[in-house]
Amino acid sequence: MATKRKTAKETFSRYDTADYLKSEDDIAAYLDAVMEDAADDPALISAALGNVARAYGMIKLANDTGLTREGLYKALGAGGNPTLATVVKVMKALGMRLSVSKAA
């Protein structure tokens, strides 16, 4: 007679990059890495800004940028295409700035 083996039930939680962006240094390092690895992929850069925005807090970011929360979700969400003006406002509100360097 075969005995049934009990299998442990596995549980998984949803991974969210925003959960790991705890400090300004974390955010700067993350954005720097994204820009380094995906500088030619605007969708990935937009998604990274969306992750940072959620870590920072969308309502706070909306207040700090003068943009609407809904507008930020649309611009920085999946398939979003933020304008340069939106990117600059978000970066400024985060205490960051865009910079240019010669490509290697």
C-alpha atoms as a PDB file:
ATOM      1  CA  MET A   1       0.000   0.000   0.000  1.00  0.00           C
ATOM      2  CA  ALA A   2       1.438   3.360  -1.052  1.00  0.00           C
ATOM      3  CA  THR A   3       1.494   6.188   1.435  1.00  0.00           C
ATOM      4  CA  LYS A   4       0.604   9.702   0.419  1.00  0.00           C
ATOM      5  CA  ARG A   5       3.296  12.234   0.925  1.00  0.00           C
ATOM      6  CA  LYS A   6       2.301  15.629   2.172  1.00  0.00           C
ATOM      7  CA  THR A   7       3.797  18.381   0.100  1.00  0.00           C
ATOM      8  CA  ALA A   8       4.560  21.705   1.614  1.00  0.00           C
ATOM      9  CA  LYS A   9       2.420  24.451   0.211  1.00  0.00           C
ATOM     10  CA  GLU A  10       4.530  27.160  -1.351  1.00  0.00           C
ATOM     11  CA  THR A  11       3.461  30.742  -1.231  1.00  0.00           C
ATOM     12  CA  PHE A  12       4.816  33.502  -3.372  1.00  0.00           C
ATOM     13  CA  SER A  13       4.597  37.214  -3.016  1.00  0.00           C
ATOM     14  CA  ARG A  14       4.545  39.668  -5.868  1.00  0.00           C
ATOM     15  CA  TYR A  15       7.934  41.263  -6.523  1.00  0.00           C
ATOM     16  CA  ASP A  16       7.826  45.030  -6.608  1.00  0.00           C
ATOM     17  CA  THR A  17      10.995  47.032  -7.239  1.00  0.00           C
ATOM     18  CA  ALA A  18       9.476  49.990  -5.398  1.00  0.00           C
ATOM     19  CA  ASP A  19       9.648  47.990  -2.152  1.00  0.00           C
ATOM     20  CA  TYR A  20      13.459  48.046  -2.347  1.00  0.00           C
ATOM     21  CA  LEU A  21      13.956  51.734  -3.069  1.00  0.00           C
ATOM     22  CA  LYS A  22      14.243  52.945   0.503  1.00  0.00           C
ATOM     23  CA  SER A  23      16.653  55.877   0.268  1.00  0.00           C
ATOM     24  CA  GLU A  24      17.787  58.590  -2.124  1.00  0.00           C
ATOM     25  CA  ASP A  25      21.002  56.609  -2.631  1.00  0.00           C
ATOM     26  CA  ASP A  26      18.968  53.506  -3.576  1.00  0.00           C
ATOM     27  CA  ILE A  27      16.939  55.549  -6.044  1.00  0.00           C
ATOM     28  CA  ALA A  28      20.001  57.211  -7.582  1.00  0.00           C
ATOM     29  CA  ALA A  29      21.822  53.883  -7.965  1.00  0.00           C
ATOM     30  CA  TYR A  30      18.738  52.248  -9.498  1.00  0.00           C
ATOM     31  CA  LEU A  31      18.147  55.039 -12.014  1.00  0.00           C
ATOM     32  CA  ASP A  32      21.849  55.131 -12.868  1.00  0.00           C
ATOM     33  CA  ALA A  33      21.847  51.379 -13.529  1.00  0.00           C
ATOM     34  CA  VAL A  34      18.728  51.610 -15.688  1.00  0.00           C
ATOM     35  CA  MET A  35      20.192  54.475 -17.707  1.00  0.00           C
ATOM     36  CA  GLU A  36      23.427  52.532 -18.159  1.00  0.00           C
ATOM     37  CA  ASP A  37      21.736  49.293 -19.226  1.00  0.00           C
ATOM     38  CA  ALA A  38      18.743  50.613 -21.148  1.00  0.00           C
ATOM     39  CA  ALA A  39      19.586  54.110 -22.313  1.00  0.00           C
ATOM     40  CA  ASP A  40      18.070  53.313 -25.717  1.00  0.00           C
ATOM     41  CA  ASP A  41      14.833  51.835 -24.336  1.00  0.00           C
ATOM     42  CA  PRO A  42      12.463  54.646 -23.342  1.00  0.00           C
ATOM     43  CA  ALA A  43       9.822  52.189 -22.098  1.00  0.00           C
ATOM     44  CA  LEU A  44      12.246  50.704 -19.575  1.00  0.00           C
ATOM     45  CA  ILE A  45      13.334  54.143 -18.404  1.00  0.00           C
ATOM     46  CA  SER A  46       9.695  55.175 -18.017  1.00  0.00           C
ATOM     47  CA  ALA A  47       8.957  51.991 -16.058  1.00  0.00           C
ATOM     48  CA  ALA A  48      11.938  52.681 -13.783  1.00  0.00           C
ATOM     49  CA  LEU A  49      10.651  56.198 -13.113  1.00  0.00           C
ATOM     50  CA  GLY A  50       7.277  54.654 -12.326  1.00  0.00           C
ATOM     51  CA  ASN A  51       8.895  52.314  -9.803  1.00  0.00           C
ATOM     52  CA  VAL A  52      10.676  55.248  -8.198  1.00  0.00           C
ATOM     53  CA  ALA A  53       7.485  57.315  -8.162  1.00  0.00           C
ATOM     54  CA  ARG A  54       5.594  54.548  -6.351  1.00  0.00           C
ATOM     55  CA  ALA A  55       8.434  54.202  -3.831  1.00  0.00           C
ATOM     56  CA  TYR A  56       8.391  57.956  -3.242  1.00  0.00           C
ATOM     57  CA  GLY A  57       4.604  58.104  -3.053  1.00  0.00           C
ATOM     58  CA  MET A  58       2.402  59.145  -5.957  1.00  0.00           C
ATOM     59  CA  ILE A  59       0.359  61.647  -3.968  1.00  0.00           C
ATOM     60  CA  LYS A  60       3.483  63.308  -2.569  1.00  0.00           C
ATOM     61  CA  LEU A  61       5.076  63.325  -6.023  1.00  0.00           C
ATOM     62  CA  ALA A  62       1.935  64.833  -7.554  1.00  0.00           C
ATOM     63  CA  ASN A  63       1.990  67.599  -4.948  1.00  0.00           C
ATOM     64  CA  ASP A  64       5.721  68.216  -5.409  1.00  0.00           C
ATOM     65  CA  THR A  65       5.554  68.326  -9.230  1.00  0.00           C
ATOM     66  CA  GLY A  66       2.244  70.122  -9.669  1.00  0.00           C
ATOM     67  CA  LEU A  67       1.054  67.248 -11.860  1.00  0.00           C
ATOM     68  CA  THR A  68      -2.014  65.152 -11.192  1.00  0.00           C
ATOM     69  CA  ARG A  69      -1.671  61.715  -9.636  1.00  0.00           C
ATOM     70  CA  GLU A  70      -3.616  60.244 -12.535  1.00  0.00           C
ATOM     71  CA  GLY A  71      -1.342  61.993 -15.026  1.00  0.00           C
ATOM     72  CA  LEU A  72       1.714  60.567 -13.290  1.00  0.00           C
ATOM     73  CA  TYR A  73       0.264  57.049 -13.322  1.00  0.00           C
ATOM     74  CA  LYS A  74      -0.506  57.410 -17.028  1.00  0.00           C
ATOM     75  CA  ALA A  75       2.890  58.856 -17.953  1.00  0.00           C
ATOM     76  CA  LEU A  76       4.976  56.554 -15.759  1.00  0.00           C
ATOM     77  CA  GLY A  77       2.872  53.399 -15.967  1.00  0.00           C
ATOM     78  CA  ALA A  78       3.109  50.504 -18.388  1.00  0.00           C
ATOM     79  CA  GLY A  79       3.095  51.849 -21.912  1.00  0.00           C
ATOM     80  CA  GLY A  80       3.517  55.398 -20.659  1.00  0.00           C
ATOM     81  CA  ASN A  81       5.487  57.921 -22.651  1.00  0.00           C
ATOM     82  CA  PRO A  82       6.316  60.857 -20.379  1.00  0.00           C
ATOM     83  CA  THR A  83       7.365  64.154 -21.881  1.00  0.00           C
ATOM     84  CA  LEU A  84      10.778  65.533 -21.089  1.00  0.00           C
ATOM     85  CA  ALA A  85       9.043  68.215 -19.011  1.00  0.00           C
ATOM     86  CA  THR A  86       7.404  65.504 -16.881  1.00  0.00           C
ATOM     87  CA  VAL A  87      10.698  63.647 -16.457  1.00  0.00           C
ATOM     88  CA  VAL A  88      12.482  66.841 -15.397  1.00  0.00           C
ATOM     89  CA  LYS A  89       9.732  67.709 -12.886  1.00  0.00           C
ATOM     90  CA  VAL A  90       9.803  64.191 -11.423  1.00  0.00           C
ATOM     91  CA  MET A  91      13.591  64.163 -11.165  1.00  0.00           C
ATOM     92  CA  LYS A  92      13.601  67.586  -9.483  1.00  0.00           C
ATOM     93  CA  ALA A  93      10.923  66.514  -6.989  1.00  0.00           C
ATOM     94  CA  LEU A  94      12.994  63.423  -6.179  1.00  0.00           C
ATOM     95  CA  GLY A  95      16.023  65.614  -5.493  1.00  0.00           C
ATOM     96  CA  MET A  96      17.779  64.222  -8.561  1.00  0.00           C
ATOM     97  CA  ARG A  97      18.970  65.756 -11.803  1.00  0.00           C
ATOM     98  CA  LEU A  98      19.616  64.504 -15.259  1.00  0.00           C
ATOM     99  CA  SER A  99      23.184  64.777 -16.463  1.00  0.00           C
ATOM    100  CA  VAL A 100      25.013  64.088 -19.673  1.00  0.00           C
ATOM    101  CA  SER A 101      28.275  62.268 -20.192  1.00  0.00           C
ATOM    102  CA  LYS A 102      30.137  61.043 -23.214  1.00  0.00           C
ATOM    103  CA  ALA A 103      29.174  57.516 -24.221  1.00  0.00           C
ATOM    104  CA  ALA A 104      31.901  54.953 -23.797  1.00  0.00           C
END
